[in-house]
All heavy atoms as atom14 arrays in JSON, in Angstrom:
{
  "sequence": "EHDGIEGVIKKLIEKGMLSGQKILDIGGGAG",
  "atom14_mask": [
    [1, 1, 1, 1, 1, 1, 1, 1, 1, 0, 0, 0, 0, 0],
    [1, 1, 1, 1, 1, 1, 1, 1, 1, 1, 0, 0, 0, 0],
    [1, 1, 1, 1, 1, 1, 1, 1, 0, 0, 0, 0, 0, 0],
    [1, 1, 1, 1, 0, 0, 0, 0, 0, 0, 0, 0, 0, 0],
    [1, 1, 1, 1, 1, 1, 1, 1, 0, 0, 0, 0, 0, 0],
    [1, 1, 1, 1, 1, 1, 1, 1, 1, 0, 0, 0, 0, 0],
    [1, 1, 1, 1, 0, 0, 0, 0, 0, 0, 0, 0, 0, 0],
    [1, 1, 1, 1, 1, 1, 1, 0, 0, 0, 0, 0, 0, 0],
    [1, 1, 1, 1, 1, 1, 1, 1, 0, 0, 0, 0, 0, 0],
    [1, 1, 1, 1, 1, 1, 1, 1, 1, 0, 0, 0, 0, 0],
    [1, 1, 1, 1, 1, 1, 1, 1, 1, 0, 0, 0, 0, 0],
    [1, 1, 1, 1, 1, 1, 1, 1, 0, 0, 0, 0, 0, 0],
    [1, 1, 1, 1, 1, 1, 1, 1, 0, 0, 0, 0, 0, 0],
    [1, 1, 1, 1, 1, 1, 1, 1, 1, 0, 0, 0, 0, 0],
    [1, 1, 1, 1, 1, 1, 1, 1, 1, 0, 0, 0, 0, 0],
    [1, 1, 1, 1, 0, 0, 0, 0, 0, 0, 0, 0, 0, 0],
    [1, 1, 1, 1, 1, 1, 1, 1, 0, 0, 0, 0, 0, 0],
    [1, 1, 1, 1, 1, 1, 1, 1, 0, 0, 0, 0, 0, 0],
    [1, 1, 1, 1, 1, 1, 0, 0, 0, 0, 0, 0, 0, 0],
    [1, 1, 1, 1, 0, 0, 0, 0, 0, 0, 0, 0, 0, 0],
    [1, 1, 1, 1, 1, 1, 1, 1, 1, 0, 0, 0, 0, 0],
    [1, 1, 1, 1, 1, 1, 1, 1, 1, 0, 0, 0, 0, 0],
    [1, 1, 1, 1, 1, 1, 1, 1, 0, 0, 0, 0, 0, 0],
    [1, 1, 1, 1, 1, 1, 1, 1, 0, 0, 0, 0, 0, 0],
    [1, 1, 1, 1, 1, 1, 1, 1, 0, 0, 0, 0, 0, 0],
    [1, 1, 1, 1, 1, 1, 1, 1, 0, 0, 0, 0, 0, 0],
    [1, 1, 1, 1, 0, 0, 0, 0, 0, 0, 0, 0, 0, 0],
    [1, 1, 1, 1, 0, 0, 0, 0, 0, 0, 0, 0, 0, 0],
    [1, 1, 1, 1, 0, 0, 0, 0, 0, 0, 0, 0, 0, 0],
    [1, 1, 1, 1, 1, 0, 0, 0, 0, 0, 0, 0, 0, 0],
    [1, 1, 1, 1, 0, 0, 0, 0, 0, 0, 0, 0, 0, 0]
  ],
  "atom14_positions": [
    [[0.85, -1.18, 0.0], [-0.04, 0.0, -0.01], [0.87, 1.24, 0.0], [1.88, 1.3, 0.71], [-0.92, 0.01, 1.24], [-1.91, -1.18, 1.2], [-2.76, -1.2, 2.43], [-2.75, -0.2, 3.21], [-3.48, -2.19, 2.62], [0.0, 0.0, 0.0], [0.0, 0.0, 0.0], [0.0, 0.0, 0.0], [0.0, 0.0, 0.0], [0.0, 0.0, 0.0]],
    [[0.51, 2.19, -0.82], [1.33, 3.46, -0.86], [0.44, 4.6, -1.24], [-0.79, 4.44, -1.46], [2.5, 3.28, -1.84], [2.06, 2.85, -3.26], [1.31, 3.68, -4.11], [2.18, 1.7, -3.88], [1.09, 3.05, -5.23], [1.59, 1.85, -5.11], [0.0, 0.0, 0.0], [0.0, 0.0, 0.0], [0.0, 0.0, 0.0], [0.0, 0.0, 0.0]],
    [[1.03, 5.75, -1.28], [0.23, 6.99, -1.43], [-0.55, 7.04, -2.75], [-1.6, 7.63, -2.83], [1.15, 8.24, -1.41], [1.72, 8.45, 0.04], [1.11, 7.86, 0.96], [2.7, 9.16, 0.18], [0.0, 0.0, 0.0], [0.0, 0.0, 0.0], [0.0, 0.0, 0.0], [0.0, 0.0, 0.0], [0.0, 0.0, 0.0], [0.0, 0.0, 0.0]],
    [[0.02, 6.4, -3.83], [-0.7, 6.4, -5.1], [-2.08, 5.77, -4.99], [-3.08, 6.25, -5.51], [0.0, 0.0, 0.0], [0.0, 0.0, 0.0], [0.0, 0.0, 0.0], [0.0, 0.0, 0.0], [0.0, 0.0, 0.0], [0.0, 0.0, 0.0], [0.0, 0.0, 0.0], [0.0, 0.0, 0.0], [0.0, 0.0, 0.0], [0.0, 0.0, 0.0]],
    [[-2.15, 4.57, -4.36], [-3.41, 3.86, -4.14], [-4.32, 4.68, -3.25], [-5.52, 4.8, -3.52], [-3.14, 2.49, -3.59], [-2.39, 1.64, -4.58], [-4.45, 1.79, -3.18], [-1.95, 0.27, -4.07], [0.0, 0.0, 0.0], [0.0, 0.0, 0.0], [0.0, 0.0, 0.0], [0.0, 0.0, 0.0], [0.0, 0.0, 0.0], [0.0, 0.0, 0.0]],
    [[-3.79, 5.23, -2.2], [-4.6, 6.01, -1.23], [-5.23, 7.18, -1.93], [-6.41, 7.52, -1.69], [-3.7, 6.48, -0.08], [-3.3, 5.34, 0.85], [-2.36, 5.82, 1.96], [-2.04, 7.06, 1.99], [-1.97, 5.01, 2.77], [0.0, 0.0, 0.0], [0.0, 0.0, 0.0], [0.0, 0.0, 0.0], [0.0, 0.0, 0.0], [0.0, 0.0, 0.0]],
    [[-4.53, 7.85, -2.88], [-5.03, 8.95, -3.58], [-6.24, 8.55, -4.5], [-7.25, 9.29, -4.6], [0.0, 0.0, 0.0], [0.0, 0.0, 0.0], [0.0, 0.0, 0.0], [0.0, 0.0, 0.0], [0.0, 0.0, 0.0], [0.0, 0.0, 0.0], [0.0, 0.0, 0.0], [0.0, 0.0, 0.0], [0.0, 0.0, 0.0], [0.0, 0.0, 0.0]],
    [[-6.07, 7.42, -5.16], [-7.17, 6.91, -6.02], [-8.4, 6.6, -5.16], [-9.54, 7.0, -5.52], [-6.75, 5.65, -6.77], [-7.9, 5.0, -7.43], [-5.62, 5.98, -7.77], [0.0, 0.0, 0.0], [0.0, 0.0, 0.0], [0.0, 0.0, 0.0], [0.0, 0.0, 0.0], [0.0, 0.0, 0.0], [0.0, 0.0, 0.0], [0.0, 0.0, 0.0]],
    [[-8.19, 5.88, -4.03], [-9.3, 5.53, -3.18], [-10.01, 6.75, -2.59], [-11.27, 6.82, -2.56], [-8.81, 4.6, -2.04], [-8.44, 3.25, -2.65], [-9.89, 4.4, -0.97], [-7.84, 2.3, -1.68], [0.0, 0.0, 0.0], [0.0, 0.0, 0.0], [0.0, 0.0, 0.0], [0.0, 0.0, 0.0], [0.0, 0.0, 0.0], [0.0, 0.0, 0.0]],
    [[-9.25, 7.74, -2.21], [-9.79, 8.94, -1.65], [-10.75, 9.63, -2.71], [-11.88, 10.03, -2.39], [-8.76, 9.94, -1.29], [-9.25, 11.22, -0.61], [-8.12, 12.2, -0.26], [-8.66, 13.49, 0.25], [-7.54, 14.43, 0.57], [0.0, 0.0, 0.0], [0.0, 0.0, 0.0], [0.0, 0.0, 0.0], [0.0, 0.0, 0.0], [0.0, 0.0, 0.0]],
    [[-10.35, 9.68, -3.92], [-11.17, 10.28, -5.0], [-12.44, 9.51, -5.23], [-13.53, 10.05, -5.4], [-10.34, 10.37, -6.32], [-9.25, 11.4, -6.28], [-9.83, 12.79, -6.35], [-8.71, 13.88, -6.43], [-9.28, 15.23, -6.38], [0.0, 0.0, 0.0], [0.0, 0.0, 0.0], [0.0, 0.0, 0.0], [0.0, 0.0, 0.0], [0.0, 0.0, 0.0]],
    [[-12.29, 8.15, -5.22], [-13.44, 7.32, -5.45], [-14.46, 7.42, -4.31], [-15.66, 7.39, -4.52], [-12.99, 5.81, -5.63], [-12.17, 5.58, -6.87], [-11.67, 4.14, -6.87], [-13.0, 5.85, -8.16], [0.0, 0.0, 0.0], [0.0, 0.0, 0.0], [0.0, 0.0, 0.0], [0.0, 0.0, 0.0], [0.0, 0.0, 0.0], [0.0, 0.0, 0.0]],
    [[-13.99, 7.47, -3.07], [-14.88, 7.66, -1.94], [-15.61, 9.01, -1.99], [-16.84, 9.06, -1.81], [-14.1, 7.56, -0.6], [-13.61, 6.12, -0.39], [-14.94, 7.98, 0.56], [-12.68, 5.96, 0.79], [0.0, 0.0, 0.0], [0.0, 0.0, 0.0], [0.0, 0.0, 0.0], [0.0, 0.0, 0.0], [0.0, 0.0, 0.0], [0.0, 0.0, 0.0]],
    [[-14.9, 10.03, -2.43], [-15.52, 11.35, -2.54], [-16.65, 11.34, -3.57], [-17.65, 12.06, -3.42], [-14.47, 12.4, -2.99], [-13.48, 12.75, -1.89], [-12.38, 13.67, -2.39], [-12.29, 13.95, -3.58], [-11.53, 14.11, -1.57], [0.0, 0.0, 0.0], [0.0, 0.0, 0.0], [0.0, 0.0, 0.0], [0.0, 0.0, 0.0], [0.0, 0.0, 0.0]],
    [[-16.53, 10.52, -4.63], [-17.54, 10.4, -5.65], [-18.61, 9.39, -5.35], [-19.49, 9.14, -6.14], [-16.87, 10.14, -7.0], [-16.03, 11.23, -7.52], [-15.31, 10.92, -8.82], [-14.52, 12.03, -9.37], [-15.38, 13.15, -9.86], [0.0, 0.0, 0.0], [0.0, 0.0, 0.0], [0.0, 0.0, 0.0], [0.0, 0.0, 0.0], [0.0, 0.0, 0.0]],
    [[-18.47, 8.71, -4.23], [-19.47, 7.66, -3.81], [-19.43, 6.41, -4.66], [-20.43, 5.76, -4.82], [0.0, 0.0, 0.0], [0.0, 0.0, 0.0], [0.0, 0.0, 0.0], [0.0, 0.0, 0.0], [0.0, 0.0, 0.0], [0.0, 0.0, 0.0], [0.0, 0.0, 0.0], [0.0, 0.0, 0.0], [0.0, 0.0, 0.0], [0.0, 0.0, 0.0]],
    [[-18.27, 6.08, -5.16], [-18.11, 4.92, -6.06], [-17.63, 3.66, -5.42], [-17.52, 2.66, -6.12], [-17.2, 5.34, -7.22], [-17.74, 6.49, -8.04], [-16.57, 7.27, -9.13], [-16.26, 6.04, -10.34], [0.0, 0.0, 0.0], [0.0, 0.0, 0.0], [0.0, 0.0, 0.0], [0.0, 0.0, 0.0], [0.0, 0.0, 0.0], [0.0, 0.0, 0.0]],
    [[-17.38, 3.64, -4.13], [-16.95, 2.4, -3.44], [-17.86, 1.88, -2.38], [-18.17, 0.71, -2.37], [-15.54, 2.71, -2.8], [-14.32, 2.96, -3.65], [-13.13, 3.06, -2.8], [-14.18, 1.84, -4.72], [0.0, 0.0, 0.0], [0.0, 0.0, 0.0], [0.0, 0.0, 0.0], [0.0, 0.0, 0.0], [0.0, 0.0, 0.0], [0.0, 0.0, 0.0]],
    [[-18.34, 2.73, -1.54], [-19.13, 2.31, -0.33], [-20.4, 1.5, -0.71], [-21.23, 2.05, -1.4], [-19.49, 3.49, 0.55], [-18.3, 4.15, 1.0], [0.0, 0.0, 0.0], [0.0, 0.0, 0.0], [0.0, 0.0, 0.0], [0.0, 0.0, 0.0], [0.0, 0.0, 0.0], [0.0, 0.0, 0.0], [0.0, 0.0, 0.0], [0.0, 0.0, 0.0]],
    [[-20.43, 0.23, -0.21], [-21.62, -0.6, -0.44], [-21.78, -1.08, -1.88], [-22.87, -1.58, -2.19], [0.0, 0.0, 0.0], [0.0, 0.0, 0.0], [0.0, 0.0, 0.0], [0.0, 0.0, 0.0], [0.0, 0.0, 0.0], [0.0, 0.0, 0.0], [0.0, 0.0, 0.0], [0.0, 0.0, 0.0], [0.0, 0.0, 0.0], [0.0, 0.0, 0.0]],
    [[-20.8, -0.93, -2.73], [-20.96, -1.28, -4.13], [-20.46, -2.68, -4.48], [-19.59, -3.25, -3.78], [-20.15, -0.26, -5.0], [-20.52, 1.22, -4.75], [-21.93, 1.53, -5.12], [-22.4, 1.25, -6.17], [-22.64, 2.14, -4.15], [0.0, 0.0, 0.0], [0.0, 0.0, 0.0], [0.0, 0.0, 0.0], [0.0, 0.0, 0.0], [0.0, 0.0, 0.0]],
    [[-21.01, -3.18, -5.6], [-20.5, -4.42, -6.2], [-19.4, -3.99, -7.21], [-19.78, -3.36, -8.18], [-21.58, -5.22, -6.86], [-22.63, -5.81, -5.92], [-23.7, -6.53, -6.63], [-23.24, -7.77, -7.35], [-22.86, -8.83, -6.43], [0.0, 0.0, 0.0], [0.0, 0.0, 0.0], [0.0, 0.0, 0.0], [0.0, 0.0, 0.0], [0.0, 0.0, 0.0]],
    [[-18.12, -4.44, -7.03], [-17.08, -3.94, -7.8], [-16.4, -5.01, -8.55], [-16.18, -6.14, -8.03], [-16.01, -3.2, -6.89], [-16.68, -2.01, -6.17], [-14.8, -2.79, -7.67], [-15.74, -1.31, -5.17], [0.0, 0.0, 0.0], [0.0, 0.0, 0.0], [0.0, 0.0, 0.0], [0.0, 0.0, 0.0], [0.0, 0.0, 0.0], [0.0, 0.0, 0.0]],
    [[-16.01, -4.74, -9.79], [-15.17, -5.65, -10.64], [-13.87, -4.96, -10.9], [-13.82, -3.8, -11.4], [-15.91, -5.94, -11.95], [-15.09, -6.78, -12.94], [-14.85, -8.2, -12.44], [-15.82, -6.81, -14.34], [0.0, 0.0, 0.0], [0.0, 0.0, 0.0], [0.0, 0.0, 0.0], [0.0, 0.0, 0.0], [0.0, 0.0, 0.0], [0.0, 0.0, 0.0]],
    [[-12.77, -5.69, -10.61], [-11.41, -5.22, -10.94], [-10.85, -6.1, -12.05], [-10.53, -7.27, -11.82], [-10.54, -5.24, -9.69], [-9.14, -4.68, -9.91], [-8.86, -4.25, -11.03], [-8.35, -4.68, -8.95], [0.0, 0.0, 0.0], [0.0, 0.0, 0.0], [0.0, 0.0, 0.0], [0.0, 0.0, 0.0], [0.0, 0.0, 0.0], [0.0, 0.0, 0.0]],
    [[-10.73, -5.53, -13.24], [-10.29, -6.3, -14.43], [-8.74, -6.31, -14.45], [-8.12, -5.28, -14.38], [-10.83, -5.72, -15.71], [-12.35, -5.66, -15.68], [-10.33, -6.49, -16.92], [-12.95, -4.77, -16.8], [0.0, 0.0, 0.0], [0.0, 0.0, 0.0], [0.0, 0.0, 0.0], [0.0, 0.0, 0.0], [0.0, 0.0, 0.0], [0.0, 0.0, 0.0]],
    [[-8.17, -7.5, -14.55], [-6.68, -7.59, -14.65], [-6.09, -7.05, -13.35], [-5.07, -6.39, -13.36], [0.0, 0.0, 0.0], [0.0, 0.0, 0.0], [0.0, 0.0, 0.0], [0.0, 0.0, 0.0], [0.0, 0.0, 0.0], [0.0, 0.0, 0.0], [0.0, 0.0, 0.0], [0.0, 0.0, 0.0], [0.0, 0.0, 0.0], [0.0, 0.0, 0.0]],
    [[-6.69, -7.42, -12.22], [-6.32, -6.89, -10.92], [-5.05, -7.41, -10.3], [-4.68, -6.99, -9.23], [0.0, 0.0, 0.0], [0.0, 0.0, 0.0], [0.0, 0.0, 0.0], [0.0, 0.0, 0.0], [0.0, 0.0, 0.0], [0.0, 0.0, 0.0], [0.0, 0.0, 0.0], [0.0, 0.0, 0.0], [0.0, 0.0, 0.0], [0.0, 0.0, 0.0]],
    [[-4.36, -8.37, -11.02], [-3.1, -8.88, -10.51], [-3.25, -9.46, -9.14], [-4.12, -10.23, -8.83], [0.0, 0.0, 0.0], [0.0, 0.0, 0.0], [0.0, 0.0, 0.0], [0.0, 0.0, 0.0], [0.0, 0.0, 0.0], [0.0, 0.0, 0.0], [0.0, 0.0, 0.0], [0.0, 0.0, 0.0], [0.0, 0.0, 0.0], [0.0, 0.0, 0.0]],
    [[-2.31, -9.03, -8.23], [-2.24, -9.58, -6.87], [-3.11, -8.75, -5.9], [-2.89, -8.8, -4.71], [-0.82, -9.62, -6.42], [0.0, 0.0, 0.0], [0.0, 0.0, 0.0], [0.0, 0.0, 0.0], [0.0, 0.0, 0.0], [0.0, 0.0, 0.0], [0.0, 0.0, 0.0], [0.0, 0.0, 0.0], [0.0, 0.0, 0.0], [0.0, 0.0, 0.0]],
    [[-4.07, -7.99, -6.42], [-5.02, -7.33, -5.55], [-4.62, -5.95, -5.06], [-5.12, -5.5, -4.01], [0.0, 0.0, 0.0], [0.0, 0.0, 0.0], [0.0, 0.0, 0.0], [0.0, 0.0, 0.0], [0.0, 0.0, 0.0], [0.0, 0.0, 0.0], [0.0, 0.0, 0.0], [0.0, 0.0, 0.0], [0.0, 0.0, 0.0], [0.0, 0.0, 0.0]]
  ]
}
């Protein structure tokens, strides 16, 4: 985990795109 991921997650939370959602991660590698 590093700042790059935290920045993406912060933006997604602000837009309401994560909480309580069904999410698909395509080509997500090792998670």
